[in-house]
Amino acid sequence: MIELFNINNYVVDTSSLNNLLHGEIVCEFEETFASYVGAKYSCFANSASSLLFLSLLGKDATIRIPSTIPPVVPNVIVNTNNKIQFYDDTEWVGHQYHLHDNIYDSAQEVTRDQYKKLNDHKALVVFSFYPTKPVGGCDGGMIVSNDKEAIDWYRMMVLNGMNYSNNNWERKQIAAGYKMHGNSIQAYVANENLKKLNYKNERLDEVRDLYNKRLGYENTSRHLYRIRVKDNAVFIQMMKKEGIVCGIHYEHCHEKPFYGEHLDLAASKQESKQTVSIPYHEKLTKHEIHKVINNVNKFKNN
């Protein structure tokens, strides 16, 4: 079976981690990741969703987001007592997008000096280490910034409202925070995958260029390779019978009643029926790539 994503497997020797929750590997990963994206400070958490939640707490605002988006984002907006305003944008998928104020959601993109290129020292960028993301892990998230005061606040909030100290007994609770800190195993796996990111991106560029040439697209994402077909549900079943796993990224959210908005966003609604992600990862062989291409061309209009 040709898989949609590649997920690296690791054997973790927990005896090598000096602390399963807040080991040295967490600090190492925070520093290495911040350096990679060109930021000064970072905070590791149990998920990107937790960091988005903290980012939108107390905003009392209307947050504008694309309707074609993972449900975690509108869920966070609703659960932080903000309001949603959906808009039609299907092209952001696979990249970073502006969420609100100085907050960016980059769950689907990790590139060298990405933060530095924003040229905004107050910007806050959230990354995800969900297993299928560019830097996969066993979940986890990172928020980076050049604003030390802001990152110190996130560190405190993810650690039950306590100020940080290497020794648990020296920490003092200074706010009503949350249990959202990332652990050493999450950091270890994501850190190992970060080491492989440059090679992974080189291979993904090769695969993407071949797909673009043979399928007639100009896609630029290193996370997803999306195409449009006549009926994505039918297409996925046909590809599966040929031993090829495909997926849908993403269904539109604007018609779901619990989000409180009922707009006529035609592009997003159409995308839900037509968008398909095809296998796109660094372990694809030439034979597998050509098999995917041949079957896409065979089934895309069915």
Protein backbone atom coordinates (compact mmCIF):
# COMPACT_ATOMS: atom_id res chain seq x y z
CA MET A 1 0.00 0.00 0.00
CA ILE A 2 1.31 3.46 -0.92
CA GLU A 3 0.69 5.55 2.20
CA LEU A 4 -0.42 9.17 2.27
CA PHE A 5 2.26 10.15 4.83
CA ASN A 6 5.46 8.66 6.19
CA ILE A 7 5.67 8.44 9.99
CA ASN A 8 9.12 7.60 11.34
CA ASN A 9 9.35 5.02 14.11
CA TYR A 10 11.70 5.32 17.08
CA VAL A 11 12.67 3.20 20.05
CA VAL A 12 12.97 5.54 23.04
CA ASP A 13 15.24 4.49 25.89
CA THR A 14 13.48 6.29 28.74
CA SER A 15 16.45 5.62 31.03
CA SER A 16 18.42 8.13 28.93
CA LEU A 17 15.93 10.89 29.75
CA ASN A 18 16.80 12.56 33.03
CA ASN A 19 13.13 13.45 33.57
CA LEU A 20 10.15 12.05 31.70
CA LEU A 21 8.18 15.30 31.97
CA HIS A 22 10.66 18.18 31.93
CA GLY A 23 13.93 16.60 30.89
CA GLU A 24 16.89 18.31 29.29
CA ILE A 25 15.66 17.15 25.89
CA VAL A 26 12.73 19.58 26.18
CA CYS A 27 15.06 22.57 26.56
CA GLU A 28 17.33 21.24 23.83
CA PHE A 29 14.43 20.89 21.42
CA GLU A 30 13.06 24.34 22.26
CA GLU A 31 16.44 25.95 21.57
CA THR A 32 17.14 23.96 18.40
CA PHE A 33 13.70 24.56 16.93
CA ALA A 34 13.73 28.30 17.71
CA SER A 35 17.13 28.59 16.05
CA TYR A 36 15.92 26.72 12.97
CA VAL A 37 12.99 29.07 12.36
CA GLY A 38 14.99 32.16 13.34
CA ALA A 39 13.34 33.09 16.65
CA LYS A 40 14.96 33.94 19.99
CA TYR A 41 12.52 32.26 22.37
CA SER A 42 10.16 29.28 22.37
CA CYS A 43 7.79 27.32 24.57
CA PHE A 44 7.00 23.63 24.09
CA ALA A 45 3.50 22.37 24.94
CA ASN A 46 1.48 19.16 24.77
CA SER A 47 -0.21 20.28 21.53
CA ALA A 48 -0.52 23.17 19.13
CA SER A 49 -4.22 23.28 20.07
CA SER A 50 -3.29 24.16 23.65
CA LEU A 51 -1.11 27.03 22.47
CA LEU A 52 -3.82 28.36 20.16
CA PHE A 53 -6.24 28.17 23.09
CA LEU A 54 -3.93 30.25 25.27
CA SER A 55 -3.29 32.69 22.41
CA LEU A 56 -6.99 33.48 22.06
CA LEU A 57 -7.91 33.61 25.76
CA GLY A 58 -9.48 36.89 26.79
CA LYS A 59 -9.51 38.37 23.30
CA ASP A 60 -13.29 38.93 23.24
CA ALA A 61 -12.99 39.33 19.50
CA THR A 62 -14.31 38.15 16.16
CA ILE A 63 -11.64 35.89 14.69
CA ARG A 64 -11.54 35.60 10.90
CA ILE A 65 -10.46 32.20 9.58
CA PRO A 66 -10.79 30.25 6.32
CA SER A 67 -13.75 27.87 6.23
CA THR A 68 -11.53 25.17 4.70
CA ILE A 69 -9.62 24.40 7.87
CA PRO A 70 -9.10 21.66 10.49
CA PRO A 71 -11.94 21.80 13.07
CA VAL A 72 -9.46 22.32 15.90
CA VAL A 73 -9.16 26.01 14.99
CA PRO A 74 -12.88 26.96 15.09
CA ASN A 75 -13.21 24.73 18.18
CA VAL A 76 -10.55 26.78 19.95
CA ILE A 77 -12.23 30.04 18.93
CA VAL A 78 -15.59 28.91 20.31
CA ASN A 79 -14.10 27.44 23.49
CA THR A 80 -12.24 30.69 24.27
CA ASN A 81 -15.54 32.60 24.01
CA ASN A 82 -14.64 34.39 20.81
CA LYS A 83 -16.75 34.66 17.67
CA ILE A 84 -15.93 33.22 14.25
CA GLN A 85 -16.13 34.93 10.90
CA PHE A 86 -15.40 32.46 8.11
CA TYR A 87 -14.07 33.54 4.74
CA ASP A 88 -13.46 31.84 1.39
CA ASP A 89 -9.81 30.81 1.07
CA THR A 90 -8.80 27.35 -0.10
CA GLU A 91 -5.23 28.14 -1.13
CA TRP A 92 -3.68 28.61 2.32
CA VAL A 93 -3.81 24.84 3.06
CA GLY A 94 -0.33 23.44 3.59
CA HIS A 95 1.13 26.80 4.59
CA GLN A 96 1.23 29.31 7.44
CA TYR A 97 -1.68 31.74 7.79
CA HIS A 98 -2.43 34.81 9.89
CA LEU A 99 -4.86 33.94 12.69
CA HIS A 100 -5.41 37.16 14.67
CA ASP A 101 -3.49 40.27 15.73
CA ASN A 102 0.18 39.18 15.86
CA ILE A 103 -0.63 35.44 16.00
CA TYR A 104 0.19 33.04 13.15
CA ASP A 105 -0.79 29.40 12.83
CA SER A 106 1.95 27.38 11.12
CA ALA A 107 0.80 23.88 11.97
CA GLN A 108 1.43 22.85 8.35
CA GLU A 109 4.71 24.56 7.56
CA VAL A 110 8.23 24.56 9.00
CA THR A 111 11.00 26.26 7.03
CA ARG A 112 14.41 27.64 7.95
CA ASP A 113 14.31 31.29 9.11
CA GLN A 114 10.53 31.28 8.75
CA TYR A 115 10.02 33.49 11.80
CA LYS A 116 12.83 35.87 10.86
CA LYS A 117 11.22 36.50 7.47
CA LEU A 118 8.08 37.87 9.17
CA ASN A 119 10.22 40.83 10.28
CA ASP A 120 8.01 41.34 13.35
CA HIS A 121 9.70 40.86 16.73
CA LYS A 122 6.33 40.72 18.51
CA ALA A 123 4.89 38.01 16.26
CA LEU A 124 3.80 34.74 17.85
CA VAL A 125 3.93 31.66 15.61
CA VAL A 126 2.44 28.31 16.63
CA PHE A 127 3.77 25.04 15.18
CA SER A 128 2.37 21.50 15.46
CA PHE A 129 4.19 18.20 15.94
CA TYR A 130 1.20 16.00 15.22
CA PRO A 131 2.58 12.75 13.70
CA THR A 132 1.78 13.67 10.09
CA LYS A 133 3.04 17.27 10.22
CA PRO A 134 6.35 18.48 8.69
CA VAL A 135 8.16 17.86 11.98
CA GLY A 136 6.14 14.94 13.31
CA GLY A 137 6.14 13.63 16.85
CA CYS A 138 3.73 11.98 19.24
CA ASP A 139 1.82 15.28 19.18
CA GLY A 140 3.08 18.46 20.82
CA GLY A 141 3.33 22.10 19.82
CA MET A 142 5.72 25.04 19.93
CA ILE A 143 5.16 28.76 20.06
CA VAL A 144 8.08 31.01 19.10
CA SER A 145 8.71 34.73 19.32
CA ASN A 146 11.38 37.37 19.85
CA ASP A 147 9.19 38.73 22.65
CA LYS A 148 10.65 37.17 25.82
CA GLU A 149 7.90 38.47 28.08
CA ALA A 150 5.24 36.82 25.93
CA ILE A 151 7.04 33.45 25.84
CA ASP A 152 7.63 33.59 29.60
CA TRP A 153 3.85 33.97 30.00
CA TYR A 154 3.20 30.88 27.87
CA ARG A 155 5.80 28.91 29.85
CA MET A 156 4.04 29.83 33.06
CA MET A 157 0.54 29.08 31.75
CA VAL A 158 1.37 25.62 30.33
CA LEU A 159 3.03 24.69 33.64
CA ASN A 160 -0.02 25.05 35.88
CA GLY A 161 0.61 28.76 36.36
CA MET A 162 4.04 28.20 37.94
CA ASN A 163 7.25 30.02 37.25
CA TYR A 164 9.91 27.74 35.80
CA SER A 165 12.71 26.11 37.76
CA ASN A 166 14.69 22.93 37.13
CA ASN A 167 13.69 21.74 40.60
CA ASN A 168 9.97 21.12 41.09
CA TRP A 169 10.04 22.26 44.72
CA GLU A 170 11.46 25.65 43.78
CA ARG A 171 8.55 26.54 41.49
CA LYS A 172 6.00 29.03 42.74
CA GLN A 173 2.45 29.28 41.46
CA ILE A 174 1.74 32.80 40.32
CA ALA A 175 -1.42 32.34 38.21
CA ALA A 176 -4.29 29.95 37.51
CA GLY A 177 -2.65 28.11 34.63
CA TYR A 178 -3.17 24.82 32.81
CA LYS A 179 -1.54 21.40 32.61
CA MET A 180 -0.40 21.81 29.02
CA HIS A 181 3.37 21.27 29.13
CA GLY A 182 5.03 18.95 26.63
CA ASN A 183 6.93 15.95 27.92
CA SER A 184 10.37 14.51 27.24
CA ILE A 185 9.20 11.67 24.97
CA GLN A 186 7.27 14.09 22.76
CA ALA A 187 10.31 16.36 22.58
CA TYR A 188 12.68 13.47 21.82
CA VAL A 189 10.67 12.18 18.84
CA ALA A 190 10.07 15.64 17.36
CA ASN A 191 13.72 16.58 17.85
CA GLU A 192 14.87 13.47 15.96
CA ASN A 193 12.54 14.35 13.09
CA LEU A 194 13.77 17.96 13.08
CA LYS A 195 17.27 16.60 12.43
CA LYS A 196 15.93 14.95 9.26
CA LEU A 197 13.92 17.93 8.03
CA ASN A 198 16.44 19.30 5.52
CA TYR A 199 16.74 15.93 3.77
CA LYS A 200 12.98 15.45 3.94
CA ASN A 201 12.35 18.84 2.33
CA GLU A 202 14.82 18.13 -0.47
CA ARG A 203 13.03 14.88 -1.31
CA LEU A 204 9.60 16.51 -1.06
CA ASP A 205 10.71 19.22 -3.49
CA GLU A 206 11.75 16.52 -5.97
CA VAL A 207 8.43 14.68 -5.62
CA ARG A 208 6.41 17.90 -5.84
CA ASP A 209 8.26 19.08 -8.97
CA LEU A 210 7.53 15.78 -10.70
CA TYR A 211 3.89 15.85 -9.64
CA ASN A 212 3.56 19.45 -10.86
CA LYS A 213 5.10 18.58 -14.20
CA ARG A 214 3.00 15.47 -14.81
CA LEU A 215 -0.28 16.60 -13.25
CA GLY A 216 -0.33 20.22 -14.39
CA TYR A 217 -0.30 21.96 -11.00
CA GLU A 218 1.89 24.66 -9.45
CA ASN A 219 1.70 23.47 -5.85
CA THR A 220 4.24 24.83 -3.37
CA SER A 221 3.46 23.13 -0.05
CA ARG A 222 5.87 20.69 1.58
CA HIS A 223 3.12 19.24 3.77
CA LEU A 224 0.30 18.30 1.39
CA TYR A 225 -0.01 17.73 -2.32
CA ARG A 226 -3.63 18.51 -3.13
CA ILE A 227 -5.41 18.02 -6.42
CA ARG A 228 -9.01 18.59 -7.50
CA VAL A 229 -11.15 15.78 -8.84
CA LYS A 230 -14.77 15.43 -9.90
CA ASP A 231 -15.84 13.56 -6.73
CA ASN A 232 -13.28 13.04 -3.97
CA ALA A 233 -15.20 10.28 -2.19
CA VAL A 234 -15.39 8.19 -5.38
CA PHE A 235 -11.78 9.01 -6.27
CA ILE A 236 -10.46 7.90 -2.86
CA GLN A 237 -12.20 4.53 -3.14
CA MET A 238 -10.86 3.93 -6.65
CA MET A 239 -7.32 4.79 -5.60
CA LYS A 240 -7.58 2.54 -2.55
CA LYS A 241 -8.45 -0.40 -4.78
CA GLU A 242 -5.16 0.27 -6.59
CA GLY A 243 -3.26 0.23 -3.29
CA ILE A 244 -2.94 4.03 -2.95
CA VAL A 245 -4.07 5.91 0.17
CA CYS A 246 -5.47 9.42 -0.34
CA GLY A 247 -7.16 11.88 2.02
CA ILE A 248 -9.31 15.01 2.20
CA HIS A 249 -7.77 18.25 3.56
CA TYR A 250 -10.22 19.73 4.57
CA GLU A 251 -14.01 19.90 4.71
CA HIS A 252 -15.55 23.35 5.00
CA CYS A 253 -16.68 24.41 8.48
CA HIS A 254 -18.99 27.34 7.85
CA GLU A 255 -22.25 25.31 7.65
CA LYS A 256 -21.79 23.46 10.93
CA PRO A 257 -24.49 24.79 13.29
CA PHE A 258 -22.37 24.75 16.45
CA TYR A 259 -20.05 27.40 14.96
CA GLY A 260 -22.95 29.81 14.70
CA GLU A 261 -22.54 31.05 11.15
CA HIS A 262 -24.31 30.17 7.92
CA LEU A 263 -22.57 31.93 5.08
CA ASP A 264 -22.63 31.18 1.38
CA LEU A 265 -18.95 30.43 0.75
CA ALA A 266 -19.11 28.70 -2.61
CA ALA A 267 -15.40 28.01 -3.11
CA SER A 268 -14.99 26.37 0.30
CA LYS A 269 -18.12 24.27 -0.17
CA GLN A 270 -16.99 23.10 -3.59
CA GLU A 271 -13.52 22.33 -2.24
CA SER A 272 -15.04 19.86 0.23
CA LYS A 273 -16.31 17.79 -2.69
CA GLN A 274 -13.30 18.06 -4.95
CA THR A 275 -10.07 18.42 -2.96
CA VAL A 276 -7.91 15.33 -2.44
CA SER A 277 -4.44 14.88 -0.98
CA ILE A 278 -2.34 12.25 -2.73
CA PRO A 279 0.68 10.39 -1.27
CA TYR A 280 3.44 12.91 -0.62
CA HIS A 281 6.41 11.99 1.54
CA GLU A 282 10.16 11.47 1.47
CA LYS A 283 10.03 7.65 1.30
CA LEU A 284 8.17 7.42 -2.02
CA THR A 285 10.05 5.46 -4.69
CA LYS A 286 10.10 6.39 -8.38
CA HIS A 287 7.88 3.41 -9.10
CA GLU A 288 5.35 4.52 -6.48
CA ILE A 289 5.36 8.12 -7.72
CA HIS A 290 4.66 7.05 -11.29
CA LYS A 291 1.94 4.67 -10.11
CA VAL A 292 0.24 7.53 -8.25
CA ILE A 293 0.51 9.84 -11.28
CA ASN A 294 -0.88 7.25 -13.70
CA ASN A 295 -3.85 6.46 -11.47
CA VAL A 296 -4.61 10.12 -10.75
CA ASN A 297 -4.83 10.76 -14.49
CA LYS A 298 -6.96 7.63 -14.87
CA PHE A 299 -9.53 8.41 -12.15
CA LYS A 300 -9.61 12.19 -11.63
CA ASN A 301 -12.64 12.76 -13.89
CA ASN A 302 -14.73 9.81 -12.67
